[in-house]
PDB file of N, CA and C in Angstrom:
ATOM      1  N   UNK A   1       0.615  -1.333   0.310  1.00  0.00           N
ATOM      2  CA  UNK A   1      -0.261   0.301  -0.538  1.00  0.00           C
ATOM      3  C   UNK A   1       0.900   0.867   0.342  1.00  0.00           C
ATOM      4  N   UNK A   2       2.067   1.251   0.777  1.00  0.00           N
ATOM      5  CA  UNK A   2       2.939   2.447   0.756  1.00  0.00           C
ATOM      6  C   UNK A   2       3.356   2.325  -0.579  1.00  0.00           C
ATOM      7  N   UNK A   3       3.523   1.696  -1.110  1.00  0.00           N
ATOM      8  CA  UNK A   3       4.238   2.014  -2.235  1.00  0.00           C
ATOM      9  C   UNK A   3       3.662   2.733  -3.723  1.00  0.00           C
ATOM     10  N   UNK A   4       1.960   2.019  -3.076  1.00  0.00           N
ATOM     11  CA  UNK A   4       1.194   2.594  -4.541  1.00  0.00           C
ATOM     12  C   UNK A   4       0.752   4.113  -3.980  1.00  0.00           C
ATOM     13  N   UNK A   5       0.780   4.735  -3.056  1.00  0.00           N
ATOM     14  CA  UNK A   5       0.517   5.926  -2.472  1.00  0.00           C
ATOM     15  C   UNK A   5       1.944   6.459  -3.011  1.00  0.00           C
ATOM     16  N   UNK A   6       2.634   5.868  -3.025  1.00  0.00           N
ATOM     17  CA  UNK A   6       4.421   6.641  -3.079  1.00  0.00           C
ATOM     18  C   UNK A   6       4.311   6.994  -4.782  1.00  0.00           C
ATOM     19  N   UNK A   7       3.800   5.706  -5.630  1.00  0.00           N
ATOM     20  CA  UNK A   7       3.716   6.135  -6.600  1.00  0.00           C
ATOM     21  C   UNK A   7       2.735   7.033  -7.609  1.00  0.00           C
ATOM     22  N   UNK A   8       1.630   7.209  -6.857  1.00  0.00           N
ATOM     23  CA  UNK A   8       0.316   8.177  -7.004  1.00  0.00           C
ATOM     24  C   UNK A   8       0.791   9.586  -6.813  1.00  0.00           C
ATOM     25  N   UNK A   9       1.779   9.433  -5.725  1.00  0.00           N
ATOM     26  CA  UNK A   9       2.466  11.120  -5.128  1.00  0.00           C
ATOM     27  C   UNK A   9       3.583  11.400  -6.311  1.00  0.00           C
ATOM     28  N   UNK A  10       3.825  10.718  -6.427  1.00  0.00           N
ATOM     29  CA  UNK A  10       5.308  10.646  -7.413  1.00  0.00           C
ATOM     30  C   UNK A  10       4.451  11.575  -8.858  1.00  0.00           C
ATOM     31  N   UNK A  11       3.388  10.706  -9.471  1.00  0.00           N
ATOM     32  CA  UNK A  11       2.935  10.888 -10.727  1.00  0.00           C
ATOM     33  C   UNK A  11       2.567  12.378 -10.549  1.00  0.00           C
ATOM     34  N   UNK A  12       1.380  12.609  -9.255  1.00  0.00           N
ATOM     35  CA  UNK A  12       0.812  14.015  -9.060  1.00  0.00           C
ATOM     36  C   UNK A  12       1.664  15.119  -9.124  1.00  0.00           C
ATOM     37  N   UNK A  13       3.337  14.725  -8.401  1.00  0.00           N
ATOM     38  CA  UNK A  13       4.022  16.248  -8.593  1.00  0.00           C
ATOM     39  C   UNK A  13       4.481  15.991  -9.685  1.00  0.00           C
ATOM     40  N   UNK A  14       5.142  15.054 -10.533  1.00  0.00           N
ATOM     41  CA  UNK A  14       5.090  15.405 -11.891  1.00  0.00           C
ATOM     42  C   UNK A  14       4.528  15.931 -13.216  1.00  0.00           C
ATOM     43  N   UNK A  15       3.223  15.981 -12.757  1.00  0.00           N
ATOM     44  CA  UNK A  15       1.857  16.128 -13.061  1.00  0.00           C
ATOM     45  C   UNK A  15       2.090  17.913 -13.040  1.00  0.00           C
ATOM     46  N   UNK A  16       2.369  17.997 -11.713  1.00  0.00           N
ATOM     47  CA  UNK A  16       2.460  19.152 -11.564  1.00  0.00           C
ATOM     48  C   UNK A  16       3.314  20.172 -12.161  1.00  0.00           C
ATOM     49  N   UNK A  17       4.194  20.252 -12.074  1.00  0.00           N
ATOM     50  CA  UNK A  17       5.994  20.286 -12.283  1.00  0.00           C
ATOM     51  C   UNK A  17       5.428  20.422 -13.972  1.00  0.00           C
ATOM     52  N   UNK A  18       4.680  19.858 -14.784  1.00  0.00           N
ATOM     53  CA  UNK A  18       4.669  19.909 -16.366  1.00  0.00           C
ATOM     54  C   UNK A  18       3.371  20.565 -16.663  1.00  0.00           C
ATOM     55  N   UNK A  19       2.637  20.613 -15.471  1.00  0.00           N
ATOM     56  CA  UNK A  19       1.545  21.976 -15.683  1.00  0.00           C
ATOM     57  C   UNK A  19       2.088  23.525 -15.227  1.00  0.00           C
ATOM     58  N   UNK A  20       3.152  23.621 -14.395  1.00  0.00           N
ATOM     59  CA  UNK A  20       3.598  24.917 -14.359  1.00  0.00           C
ATOM     60  C   UNK A  20       4.120  25.304 -15.365  1.00  0.00           C
ATOM     61  N   UNK A  21       5.244  24.288 -15.838  1.00  0.00           N
ATOM     62  CA  UNK A  21       5.847  24.704 -17.433  1.00  0.00           C
ATOM     63  C   UNK A  21       4.767  25.183 -18.089  1.00  0.00           C
ATOM     64  N   UNK A  22       3.547  24.336 -18.250  1.00  0.00           N
ATOM     65  CA  UNK A  22       2.640  24.967 -19.528  1.00  0.00           C
ATOM     66  C   UNK A  22       2.351  26.023 -19.082  1.00  0.00           C
ATOM     67  N   UNK A  23       2.035  26.209 -18.052  1.00  0.00           N
ATOM     68  CA  UNK A  23       1.496  27.301 -17.832  1.00  0.00           C
ATOM     69  C   UNK A  23       0.275  27.838 -17.211  1.00  0.00           C
ATOM     70  N   UNK A  24      -0.418  26.233 -16.289  1.00  0.00           N
ATOM     71  CA  UNK A  24      -1.504  26.562 -15.298  1.00  0.00           C
ATOM     72  C   UNK A  24      -1.006  26.274 -14.567  1.00  0.00           C
ATOM     73  N   UNK A  25      -0.322  27.695 -14.067  1.00  0.00           N
ATOM     74  CA  UNK A  25       0.209  27.698 -12.067  1.00  0.00           C
ATOM     75  C   UNK A  25      -0.588  27.098 -11.103  1.00  0.00           C
ATOM     76  N   UNK A  26      -2.015  27.374 -11.321  1.00  0.00           N
ATOM     77  CA  UNK A  26      -2.835  27.359 -10.048  1.00  0.00           C
ATOM     78  C   UNK A  26      -3.488  25.657 -10.370  1.00  0.00           C
ATOM     79  N   UNK A  27      -3.281  25.118 -11.235  1.00  0.00           N
ATOM     80  CA  UNK A  27      -3.474  23.810 -11.336  1.00  0.00           C
ATOM     81  C   UNK A  27      -2.333  23.032 -10.844  1.00  0.00           C
ATOM     82  N   UNK A  28      -1.234  23.487 -11.435  1.00  0.00           N
ATOM     83  CA  UNK A  28       0.326  22.824 -11.623  1.00  0.00           C
ATOM     84  C   UNK A  28       0.817  22.847  -9.688  1.00  0.00           C
ATOM     85  N   UNK A  29       0.361  23.746  -9.169  1.00  0.00           N
ATOM     86  CA  UNK A  29       0.484  23.836  -7.544  1.00  0.00           C
ATOM     87  C   UNK A  29       0.044  22.858  -6.499  1.00  0.00           C
ATOM     88  N   UNK A  30      -1.321  23.186  -6.990  1.00  0.00           N
ATOM     89  CA  UNK A  30      -2.175  22.001  -6.584  1.00  0.00           C
ATOM     90  C   UNK A  30      -2.056  20.783  -6.919  1.00  0.00           C
ATOM     91  N   UNK A  31      -1.723  20.365  -7.507  1.00  0.00           N
ATOM     92  CA  UNK A  31      -1.446  18.805  -8.199  1.00  0.00           C
ATOM     93  C   UNK A  31      -0.306  18.696  -7.064  1.00  0.00           C
ATOM     94  N   UNK A  32       0.951  19.679  -7.054  1.00  0.00           N
ATOM     95  CA  UNK A  32       2.212  19.058  -5.495  1.00  0.00           C
ATOM     96  C   UNK A  32       1.606  19.116  -4.777  1.00  0.00           C
ATOM     97  N   UNK A  33       0.794  20.267  -4.253  1.00  0.00           N
ATOM     98  CA  UNK A  33       0.649  19.921  -3.115  1.00  0.00           C
ATOM     99  C   UNK A  33      -0.233  18.652  -2.448  1.00  0.00           C
ATOM    100  N   UNK A  34      -1.174  18.370  -3.239  1.00  0.00           N
ATOM    101  CA  UNK A  34      -1.634  16.668  -3.359  1.00  0.00           C
ATOM    102  C   UNK A  34      -1.109  15.841  -3.532  1.00  0.00           C
ATOM    103  N   UNK A  35       0.236  16.134  -4.228  1.00  0.00           N
ATOM    104  CA  UNK A  35       1.368  14.634  -4.072  1.00  0.00           C
ATOM    105  C   UNK A  35       1.412  14.807  -2.741  1.00  0.00           C
ATOM    106  N   UNK A  36       2.497  16.030  -1.867  1.00  0.00           N
ATOM    107  CA  UNK A  36       2.975  15.851  -1.317  1.00  0.00           C
ATOM    108  C   UNK A  36       2.046  15.949   0.070  1.00  0.00           C
ATOM    109  N   UNK A  37       1.124  15.380   0.376  1.00  0.00           N
ATOM    110  CA  UNK A  37       0.253  15.083   1.042  1.00  0.00           C
ATOM    111  C   UNK A  37      -0.076  13.520   1.227  1.00  0.00           C
ATOM    112  N   UNK A  38      -0.293  13.190  -0.207  1.00  0.00           N
ATOM    113  CA  UNK A  38      -0.369  11.939  -0.235  1.00  0.00           C
ATOM    114  C   UNK A  38       0.853  11.055   0.038  1.00  0.00           C
ATOM    115  N   UNK A  39       2.053  11.863  -0.542  1.00  0.00           N
ATOM    116  CA  UNK A  39       3.178  10.759  -0.220  1.00  0.00           C
ATOM    117  C   UNK A  39       3.712  10.749   1.080  1.00  0.00           C
ATOM    118  N   UNK A  40       4.329   9.984   0.997  1.00  0.00           N
ATOM    119  CA  UNK A  40       4.508   8.703   2.466  1.00  0.00           C
ATOM    120  C   UNK A  40       5.765   9.860   3.104  1.00  0.00           C
ATOM    121  N   UNK A  41       6.022  10.713   2.431  1.00  0.00           N
ATOM    122  CA  UNK A  41       6.902  11.965   3.095  1.00  0.00           C
ATOM    123  C   UNK A  41       6.247  12.993   3.855  1.00  0.00           C
ATOM    124  N   UNK A  42       5.049  13.127   3.120  1.00  0.00           N
ATOM    125  CA  UNK A  42       4.112  14.547   3.835  1.00  0.00           C
ATOM    126  C   UNK A  42       3.255  13.558   4.425  1.00  0.00           C
ATOM    127  N   UNK A  43       2.073  14.345   4.820  1.00  0.00           N
ATOM    128  CA  UNK A  43       0.804  13.318   5.724  1.00  0.00           C
ATOM    129  C   UNK A  43      -0.128  12.743   5.092  1.00  0.00           C
ATOM    130  N   UNK A  44       0.316  11.487   5.204  1.00  0.00           N
ATOM    131  CA  UNK A  44      -0.773  11.264   4.504  1.00  0.00           C
ATOM    132  C   UNK A  44      -2.175  11.171   5.019  1.00  0.00           C
ATOM    133  N   UNK A  45      -2.998  11.314   3.635  1.00  0.00           N
ATOM    134  CA  UNK A  45      -4.464  11.422   3.703  1.00  0.00           C
ATOM    135  C   UNK A  45      -5.235   9.951   4.506  1.00  0.00           C
ATOM    136  N   UNK A  46      -4.628   8.546   3.749  1.00  0.00           N
ATOM    137  CA  UNK A  46      -4.955   7.787   4.402  1.00  0.00           C
ATOM    138  C   UNK A  46      -4.784   6.681   4.862  1.00  0.00           C
ATOM    139  N   UNK A  47      -3.808   7.391   6.554  1.00  0.00           N
ATOM    140  CA  UNK A  47      -3.633   6.836   7.307  1.00  0.00           C
ATOM    141  C   UNK A  47      -4.542   7.033   8.344  1.00  0.00           C
TER     142      UNK A  47
END
C-alpha cells in the first residue's frame, strides 16, 4: 500500500511540474501540494 501511495504521489508531483511549465500555475501548484500530502514524506490522508 505504501508503494502505491508513493507512486501516486510521484505521478501527481510530476504532473504538477509539467502543468507549471505549460503555464497552468494554480493547477500545477494544486497537484504538487496534493502529491506531497499523499506521499510518505508528508501527511498521508489515507492513514
